[in-house]
Protein backbone atom coordinates (compact mmCIF):
# COMPACT_ATOMS: atom_id res chain seq x y z
CA MET A 1 -24.15 -16.09 -13.21
CA MET A 2 -22.99 -17.89 -9.89
CA GLU A 3 -23.98 -17.40 -6.77
CA PRO A 4 -21.53 -16.34 -4.44
CA ALA A 5 -21.93 -19.38 -2.16
CA ALA A 6 -20.79 -21.32 -5.50
CA LYS A 7 -17.93 -18.88 -6.81
CA GLN A 8 -15.94 -19.20 -3.30
CA ARG A 9 -15.86 -22.72 -3.32
CA VAL A 10 -14.68 -23.08 -6.69
CA ILE A 11 -12.13 -20.67 -5.19
CA TYR A 12 -11.52 -22.95 -1.97
CA ILE A 13 -10.72 -25.80 -4.66
CA THR A 14 -8.66 -23.83 -6.75
CA TYR A 15 -6.71 -23.29 -3.72
CA LEU A 16 -5.90 -27.27 -2.92
CA ILE A 17 -5.26 -27.70 -6.80
CA ALA A 18 -2.21 -24.92 -6.49
CA ALA A 19 -1.56 -26.61 -3.39
CA LEU A 20 -0.76 -29.30 -4.84
CA ASP A 21 0.84 -28.47 -7.60
CA VAL A 22 3.39 -26.85 -5.96
CA THR A 23 3.97 -29.92 -3.64
CA TRP A 24 5.25 -32.14 -6.78
CA LEU A 25 7.18 -28.75 -8.04
CA PHE A 26 9.09 -28.67 -4.69
CA LEU A 27 9.32 -32.41 -4.26
CA GLN A 28 10.71 -32.66 -7.97
CA PHE A 29 13.54 -29.77 -6.65
CA SER A 30 14.40 -32.05 -4.10
CA ILE A 31 15.34 -34.54 -6.84
CA THR A 32 16.70 -32.65 -9.96
CA PRO A 33 19.60 -31.25 -8.12
CA TYR A 34 21.12 -34.32 -6.53
CA LEU A 35 20.66 -36.37 -9.61
CA ALA A 36 22.41 -34.00 -11.96
CA LYS A 37 25.38 -34.21 -9.55
CA ARG A 38 24.87 -38.20 -10.27
CA LEU A 39 24.82 -37.94 -13.70
CA GLY A 40 28.13 -35.70 -13.69
CA PHE A 41 26.29 -31.91 -14.08
CA ASP A 42 29.09 -29.33 -12.77
CA THR A 43 27.35 -25.95 -11.86
CA ILE A 44 27.74 -24.56 -15.71
CA TRP A 45 25.96 -27.32 -17.47
CA PHE A 46 23.23 -27.41 -13.90
CA GLY A 47 23.23 -24.21 -15.22
CA TYR A 48 21.78 -24.59 -19.01
CA LEU A 49 19.62 -27.21 -17.67
CA GLN A 50 18.23 -24.70 -15.68
CA THR A 51 17.76 -21.63 -18.83
CA THR A 52 16.29 -24.62 -21.00
CA VAL A 53 13.26 -24.64 -18.30
CA GLY A 54 13.35 -21.06 -18.36
CA VAL A 55 13.32 -20.88 -22.27
CA ILE A 56 10.46 -23.31 -22.49
CA GLN A 57 8.13 -21.78 -19.87
CA LEU A 58 8.94 -18.12 -21.29
CA LEU A 59 7.44 -18.87 -24.29
CA GLY A 60 4.53 -20.94 -22.85
CA GLY A 61 3.66 -18.60 -20.52
CA PRO A 62 2.03 -15.73 -22.44
CA ILE A 63 0.25 -18.40 -24.84
CA TYR A 64 -0.53 -20.08 -22.10
CA GLY A 65 -2.57 -17.25 -20.74
CA ARG A 66 -4.27 -16.37 -24.00
CA PHE A 67 -5.44 -19.96 -24.24
CA ALA A 68 -7.20 -19.58 -20.87
CA ASP A 69 -8.97 -16.29 -21.85
CA VAL A 70 -10.14 -18.05 -25.08
CA PHE A 71 -10.95 -21.38 -24.30
CA GLY A 72 -11.49 -21.23 -20.56
CA ALA A 73 -9.53 -21.64 -17.03
CA ARG A 74 -10.52 -24.90 -16.80
CA ALA A 75 -9.11 -25.99 -20.22
CA ALA A 76 -5.84 -24.34 -19.42
CA LEU A 77 -5.38 -26.06 -15.91
CA THR A 78 -5.98 -29.35 -17.60
CA VAL A 79 -3.85 -28.87 -20.04
CA SER A 80 -1.30 -28.28 -16.99
CA CYS A 81 -1.97 -30.68 -15.07
CA LEU A 82 -1.76 -33.60 -18.14
CA ALA A 83 1.69 -31.88 -18.89
CA SER A 84 2.94 -32.54 -15.72
CA VAL A 85 1.77 -36.74 -15.44
CA VAL A 86 3.79 -36.64 -18.30
CA TYR A 87 6.86 -34.28 -17.18
CA PHE A 88 7.32 -36.90 -13.81
CA LEU A 89 6.88 -39.94 -15.80
CA LEU A 90 9.89 -39.00 -18.01
CA LEU A 91 12.09 -38.10 -14.72
CA THR A 92 11.32 -41.18 -13.72
CA VAL A 93 13.67 -42.92 -16.70
CA ALA A 94 15.97 -39.64 -17.05
CA ASP A 95 19.08 -41.81 -16.52
CA SER A 96 21.08 -39.59 -18.91
CA THR A 97 22.23 -36.16 -19.63
CA PHE A 98 20.14 -36.23 -22.50
CA MET A 99 16.58 -37.68 -20.95
CA LEU A 100 17.02 -35.12 -18.16
CA PHE A 101 16.53 -32.08 -21.03
CA VAL A 102 14.33 -33.96 -22.74
CA HIS A 103 11.85 -34.49 -19.37
CA LYS A 104 11.94 -30.18 -19.10
CA LEU A 105 10.15 -30.06 -22.69
CA PRO A 106 6.14 -30.95 -21.33
CA ALA A 107 6.91 -27.66 -18.68
CA VAL A 108 6.01 -25.50 -21.78
CA PHE A 109 2.83 -26.30 -20.24
CA MET A 110 3.10 -26.49 -16.97
CA HIS A 111 1.47 -23.24 -15.29
CA GLY A 112 -0.46 -24.70 -12.34
CA LEU A 113 -0.07 -21.72 -10.15
CA PRO A 114 -0.48 -19.08 -12.93
CA GLY A 115 -3.69 -21.16 -14.04
CA ALA A 116 -5.28 -20.71 -10.26
CA GLN A 117 -4.76 -17.18 -10.72
CA MET A 118 -6.85 -17.18 -13.63
CA VAL A 119 -9.60 -18.85 -11.70
CA VAL A 120 -8.95 -16.67 -8.61
CA ALA A 121 -9.07 -12.83 -10.53
CA ASP A 122 -11.76 -14.13 -12.45
CA LEU A 123 -14.12 -14.71 -10.00
CA SER A 124 -12.97 -12.20 -7.41
CA GLU A 125 -14.08 -8.24 -7.32
CA ASN A 126 -10.97 -6.15 -7.84
CA GLU A 127 -10.99 -4.48 -4.34
CA LYS A 128 -10.46 -8.11 -2.79
CA ARG A 129 -8.17 -9.49 -5.68
CA ALA A 130 -4.90 -8.52 -4.13
CA GLU A 131 -6.00 -10.72 -0.60
CA ALA A 132 -7.37 -13.06 -2.62
CA LEU A 133 -4.23 -13.81 -4.84
CA GLY A 134 -1.97 -13.32 -2.21
CA LYS A 135 -3.83 -16.52 -0.46
CA LEU A 136 -2.49 -18.46 -3.46
CA GLY A 137 1.13 -17.73 -1.37
CA LEU A 138 -0.32 -19.34 1.16
CA CYS A 139 -0.75 -22.44 -0.33
CA PHE A 140 2.67 -22.11 -2.24
CA GLY A 141 3.95 -22.28 1.46
CA ILE A 142 1.97 -25.46 2.22
CA GLY A 143 2.62 -27.07 -1.18
CA MET A 144 6.62 -26.22 -0.56
CA ILE A 145 6.82 -27.70 3.11
CA ALA A 146 5.24 -30.36 2.30
CA GLY A 147 6.95 -30.99 -0.92
CA SER A 148 10.39 -29.92 -0.35
CA THR A 149 9.77 -32.57 3.08
CA LEU A 150 8.29 -35.36 0.48
CA GLY A 151 10.97 -35.06 -2.33
CA GLY A 152 14.12 -35.65 0.59
CA THR A 153 12.68 -37.77 2.46
CA LEU A 154 11.01 -40.21 0.01
CA SER A 155 14.39 -39.83 -2.70
CA THR A 156 16.50 -40.19 0.48
CA ARG A 157 14.85 -43.63 1.13
CA PHE A 158 13.17 -45.07 -1.68
CA GLY A 159 15.37 -43.79 -4.94
CA GLU A 160 14.88 -41.18 -7.20
CA LYS A 161 12.67 -42.84 -9.26
CA PHE A 162 9.73 -43.20 -6.60
CA ALA A 163 9.73 -40.20 -5.58
CA ALA A 164 9.28 -38.95 -9.48
CA SER A 165 6.19 -41.91 -9.85
CA PHE A 166 4.66 -40.42 -6.62
CA ALA A 167 4.33 -36.92 -7.98
CA ALA A 168 3.36 -38.62 -11.46
CA ILE A 169 0.64 -39.65 -9.45
CA GLY A 170 -0.21 -36.39 -7.45
CA SER A 171 -0.36 -34.38 -10.98
CA PHE A 172 -3.40 -37.23 -11.84
CA VAL A 173 -5.50 -36.75 -8.69
CA SER A 174 -4.66 -32.62 -9.47
CA LEU A 175 -5.90 -33.02 -13.13
CA LEU A 176 -9.34 -35.21 -11.58
CA LEU A 177 -9.97 -32.21 -9.35
CA VAL A 178 -9.84 -29.63 -12.22
CA LEU A 179 -12.18 -31.82 -14.41
CA ASN A 180 -14.58 -32.57 -11.55
CA PHE A 181 -14.63 -29.50 -9.54
CA ILE A 182 -13.67 -26.12 -11.71
CA PRO A 183 -16.46 -24.85 -14.20
CA LYS A 184 -15.56 -24.28 -17.71
CA GLN A 185 -16.17 -20.73 -17.62
CA THR A 186 -15.28 -19.16 -14.23
CA LYS A 187 -15.64 -15.14 -16.29
CA ILE A 188 -18.30 -13.49 -14.11
CA HIS A 189 -17.87 -10.55 -16.50
CA THR A 190 -19.61 -10.61 -20.29
CA VAL A 191 -16.78 -10.30 -23.02
CA PRO A 192 -19.10 -7.20 -25.58
CA GLU A 193 -19.49 -9.15 -28.77
CA SER A 194 -17.36 -6.61 -30.59
CA ASP A 195 -14.80 -7.84 -28.57
CA LYS A 196 -15.10 -11.27 -29.60
CA LYS A 197 -14.61 -10.62 -33.16
CA GLY A 198 -11.61 -11.32 -35.29
CA SER A 199 -8.10 -12.07 -34.64
CA SER A 200 -9.33 -11.61 -30.92
CA LYS A 201 -9.98 -15.88 -30.66
CA SER A 202 -6.56 -16.58 -32.23
CA VAL A 203 -4.80 -18.37 -29.15
CA PHE A 204 -1.51 -17.58 -30.93
CA ASN A 205 -1.89 -13.93 -31.58
CA LEU A 206 0.91 -12.21 -30.92
CA GLY A 207 -0.85 -8.81 -31.40
CA GLU A 208 -3.46 -9.67 -29.04
CA ILE A 209 -1.19 -10.84 -26.68
CA THR A 210 1.76 -7.67 -26.86
CA ARG A 211 -1.30 -5.10 -27.38
CA LEU A 212 -1.96 -5.15 -23.71
CA MET A 213 1.19 -3.47 -23.02
CA LYS A 214 -0.02 -0.15 -24.07
CA PHE A 215 -2.17 0.27 -21.22
CA PRO A 216 -1.79 2.70 -18.76
CA GLY A 217 1.07 1.80 -16.23
CA VAL A 218 1.39 -1.57 -17.43
CA ALA A 219 4.81 -0.89 -19.09
CA LYS A 220 6.45 0.79 -16.01
CA THR A 221 4.92 -2.04 -13.87
CA PHE A 222 6.10 -4.64 -15.84
CA ILE A 223 9.63 -3.19 -16.16
CA VAL A 224 10.17 -2.78 -12.28
CA LYS A 225 9.01 -6.66 -11.90
CA ILE A 226 11.68 -7.62 -14.16
CA ILE A 227 14.69 -5.06 -13.41
CA SER A 228 14.14 -5.25 -9.50
CA GLY A 229 13.02 -9.39 -9.31
CA LEU A 230 16.21 -10.42 -11.58
CA PRO A 231 18.62 -10.38 -8.57
CA SER A 232 16.14 -12.32 -6.52
CA GLY A 233 15.53 -14.46 -9.49
CA ILE A 234 19.24 -15.24 -10.00
CA PHE A 235 19.82 -16.06 -6.46
CA GLN A 236 16.61 -18.63 -6.40
CA VAL A 237 17.64 -20.77 -9.30
CA MET A 238 21.40 -21.22 -8.31
CA PHE A 239 20.00 -21.77 -4.66
CA SER A 240 20.21 -25.58 -4.98
CA ILE A 241 24.00 -25.51 -5.98
CA ILE A 242 24.38 -23.22 -2.98
CA ALA A 243 22.72 -25.16 -0.74
CA ILE A 244 25.04 -28.04 -2.09
CA ASN A 245 28.45 -26.28 -1.89
CA PHE A 246 28.23 -22.92 -0.03
CA PHE A 247 26.29 -24.63 2.92
CA GLN A 248 27.20 -28.22 2.58
CA LEU A 249 23.73 -29.30 3.06
CA LYS A 250 22.04 -33.18 2.01
CA ALA A 251 19.24 -33.68 0.81
CA GLU A 252 17.12 -34.11 3.89
CA GLN A 253 18.42 -31.14 5.01
CA ASN A 254 17.88 -29.16 1.93
CA GLY A 255 14.00 -30.35 2.17
CA TYR A 256 13.84 -29.17 5.84
CA LEU A 257 15.26 -25.96 4.80
CA MET A 258 12.94 -25.59 2.01
CA ALA A 259 9.96 -26.68 4.50
CA TYR A 260 11.39 -23.75 6.58
CA PHE A 261 10.87 -20.84 3.87
CA GLY A 262 7.32 -22.77 3.36
CA ILE A 263 6.70 -22.01 7.03
CA VAL A 264 7.45 -18.04 6.98
CA GLN A 265 5.39 -17.47 3.41
CA MET A 266 2.81 -19.36 5.32
CA VAL A 267 2.45 -16.85 8.15
CA ILE A 268 3.47 -13.80 5.80
CA GLN A 269 0.84 -14.73 3.35
CA GLY A 270 -2.33 -15.74 5.19
CA ALA A 271 -1.39 -13.19 8.30
CA VAL A 272 0.14 -10.42 7.07
CA ILE A 273 -0.65 -9.74 2.87
CA GLY A 274 -4.43 -9.41 3.49
CA ARG A 275 -4.10 -6.98 6.24
CA LEU A 276 -1.47 -4.85 4.47
CA THR A 277 -3.68 -4.94 1.34
CA SER A 278 -6.72 -3.83 3.50
CA ARG A 279 -5.25 -0.56 5.15
CA PHE A 280 -2.32 0.96 2.77
CA ALA A 281 -1.78 1.66 -1.22
CA GLU A 282 -0.79 -0.83 -3.61
CA TYR A 283 1.78 1.65 -4.63
CA THR A 284 2.86 2.11 -0.91
CA LEU A 285 3.25 -1.44 -0.47
CA LEU A 286 5.56 -2.16 -4.20
CA LEU A 287 8.14 0.81 -2.45
CA LEU A 288 7.88 -1.33 0.92
CA SER A 289 8.51 -4.46 -1.20
CA VAL A 290 11.84 -3.12 -3.27
CA GLY A 291 13.64 -0.96 0.15
CA ILE A 292 13.18 -4.19 1.85
CA SER A 293 14.55 -6.30 -0.91
CA SER A 294 17.42 -3.75 -1.47
CA VAL A 295 18.46 -4.13 2.49
CA VAL A 296 18.08 -8.12 2.58
CA GLY A 297 20.48 -7.98 -0.62
CA LEU A 298 23.02 -6.26 1.77
CA ALA A 299 22.22 -8.96 4.47
CA GLN A 300 22.91 -12.21 2.01
CA ALA A 301 26.53 -10.63 1.06
CA MET A 302 27.59 -10.46 4.74
CA MET A 303 26.27 -14.19 5.37
CA THR A 304 28.46 -16.82 6.55
CA ASN A 305 26.37 -20.27 7.07
CA VAL A 306 23.01 -21.40 6.84
CA PHE A 307 22.07 -19.85 10.54
CA GLN A 308 22.42 -16.33 9.45
CA PHE A 309 20.58 -17.54 6.29
CA CYS A 310 17.44 -18.69 8.12
CA LEU A 311 17.38 -14.98 9.80
CA ILE A 312 17.51 -13.24 6.52
CA VAL A 313 14.93 -15.53 5.36
CA ILE A 314 11.84 -14.21 6.74
CA PRO A 315 12.39 -10.37 5.29
CA MET A 316 13.25 -12.02 2.02
CA MET A 317 10.26 -13.84 1.97
CA PHE A 318 8.02 -11.01 2.86
CA SER A 319 9.62 -8.63 0.47
CA LEU A 320 8.99 -11.37 -2.26
CA SER A 321 5.65 -12.39 -1.52
CA VAL A 322 4.82 -8.13 -1.12
CA PHE A 323 6.05 -8.24 -4.56
CA ASN A 324 4.87 -10.67 -6.88
CA VAL A 325 1.10 -10.78 -4.95
CA ILE A 326 0.97 -6.42 -5.66
CA THR A 327 2.50 -6.78 -8.68
CA ASP A 328 0.02 -9.31 -10.37
CA SER A 329 -3.05 -7.28 -8.61
CA MET A 330 -2.29 -3.96 -10.12
CA LEU A 331 -1.77 -5.68 -13.89
CA THR A 332 -4.34 -7.46 -14.11
CA LYS A 333 -6.59 -4.44 -12.68
CA SER A 334 -4.72 -2.86 -15.71
CA VAL A 335 -6.59 -4.51 -18.54
CA SER A 336 -10.34 -5.74 -19.41
CA PRO A 337 -11.73 -8.61 -17.15
CA SER A 338 -11.38 -10.94 -20.82
CA ASP A 339 -7.74 -10.18 -20.55
CA THR A 340 -6.79 -10.89 -16.96
CA GLY A 341 -5.26 -15.15 -17.96
CA THR A 342 -3.55 -13.29 -20.72
CA MET A 343 -2.12 -10.74 -18.32
CA LEU A 344 -0.90 -13.76 -15.43
CA GLY A 345 0.48 -15.11 -18.33
CA LEU A 346 2.64 -12.41 -19.22
CA CYS A 347 3.17 -12.13 -15.18
CA ALA A 348 4.23 -16.25 -15.70
CA SER A 349 6.62 -15.13 -18.43
CA VAL A 350 8.64 -12.54 -15.87
CA GLN A 351 9.67 -15.55 -13.71
CA SER A 352 10.12 -17.82 -16.68
CA LEU A 353 12.77 -15.19 -18.62
CA LEU A 354 14.63 -14.71 -14.78
CA ARG A 355 15.05 -18.44 -15.08
CA THR A 356 16.23 -18.08 -18.22
CA VAL A 357 19.05 -15.45 -17.98
CA GLY A 358 19.15 -16.63 -14.01
CA PRO A 359 21.59 -19.38 -14.53
CA THR A 360 23.69 -18.19 -16.79
CA ILE A 361 24.48 -15.32 -15.13
CA GLY A 362 24.15 -16.82 -11.52
CA GLY A 363 26.42 -19.42 -12.82
CA PHE A 364 29.33 -16.71 -13.87
CA LEU A 365 29.22 -14.79 -10.82
CA TYR A 366 29.48 -17.52 -8.49
CA GLU A 367 32.36 -19.03 -10.14
CA THR A 368 34.10 -16.00 -10.29
CA TYR A 369 32.89 -13.67 -7.44
CA GLY A 370 31.40 -16.40 -5.19
CA VAL A 371 28.05 -16.17 -3.23
CA PRO A 372 27.96 -12.48 -1.91
CA SER A 373 27.63 -11.26 -5.47
CA PHE A 374 24.40 -12.18 -5.24
CA GLY A 375 23.38 -10.00 -2.85
CA PHE A 376 25.34 -6.80 -3.50
CA ILE A 377 24.28 -6.76 -6.70
CA GLN A 378 20.07 -7.40 -5.54
CA CYS A 379 21.07 -4.22 -2.80
CA VAL A 380 22.36 -1.86 -5.51
CA ILE A 381 19.35 -2.67 -8.24
CA ASN A 382 17.06 -2.76 -5.61
CA ALA A 383 18.21 0.76 -4.28
CA ALA A 384 18.36 2.18 -7.44
CA VAL A 385 14.82 1.22 -8.43
CA PHE A 386 13.64 2.25 -5.06
CA SER A 387 14.80 5.71 -5.58
CA LEU A 388 13.28 5.72 -9.38
CA LEU A 389 9.83 4.92 -8.11
CA LEU A 390 10.01 7.22 -5.00
CA ALA A 391 10.40 10.20 -7.47
CA THR A 392 8.19 8.52 -9.69
CA GLY A 393 5.24 8.90 -7.04
CA GLY A 394 2.01 7.13 -8.18
CA ARG A 395 1.12 9.12 -11.50
CA SER A 396 1.36 6.74 -13.96
CA GLN A 397 -0.35 3.94 -11.95
CA PRO A 398 -3.81 3.06 -13.22
CA HIS A 399 -7.06 3.07 -11.14
CA ARG A 400 -10.14 1.38 -13.00
CA PRO A 401 -12.83 1.20 -11.76
């Protein structure tokens, strides 16, 4: 049994690892769209590239979560960091359409943020889990600022290959932190021997993964997570194209805009979410986030320039941050402590699912109806979800001790 001080120390190191992982991720976001454009990709082909990543991570997410439950979060984070090193090394030599697709293959194991969530969920108590997971969002904001700024600056001044090499070295540093500071086993609850027998030790046992959907309230929360998250997911995967074509931003300007996103998210995750989760019920906050998302969609449909978008970013990041933290917290509380890794892997697969279908849908909407279509769809879908949640109330939500 770990001492409280030791657990807190591990959680702080995990926050650092998560911030670094997001930094390298956003550094790559500042490289890939411009590299793809230089290689002759149009909007549709860039959508295919994004879809490829979504499919790869969709397949890997649930298995990664199951792997963490069976072998421990340190092993899972180690695999993720190794995959990141390979991913960025491949990006340094991606000088053709084929290689740009090949470099995405290691993404099947790249789940650094879900891995960090697993450690935090394992070491935090139920009543403080939402706040602890929310602070990971603060790390996300820090990584977004650092990665976007670094990516835009390094690729502009030293070239895309140098920026990708820098990220590969950074991923190796993250690997060293995992091996030296994360304990082999982070679960603080003992799993009964009866739960360890038979097929429960199989990482690839789909029955062990899908059975979690039978827990009370899980299926409903997952459906909300997918349907409500789809419109914003489409907008996010298409944003790099929107930034280049609609807002006419250069790589460095796009990096500054992403850094602004990070600052807004840091303020929300660090100063707002913790206070909200301590004062309001999770179901109330879920309703609030979905309702605000609907209003944000309407505002997005009306925007015409980057300044207006910067104003919209504040409520947009608030709704996204609260929505993701609350749904993840509700879902991990719905299952036994021995299954939190698998559940967080499934949560990560939801994001991958959105990235899978998002580029295809987004490419079609962008080419056919333009940028306002993203906002109108988000407004209508989230208004419908909000109405259904309001009508059903919290009756089917689980409340585990």
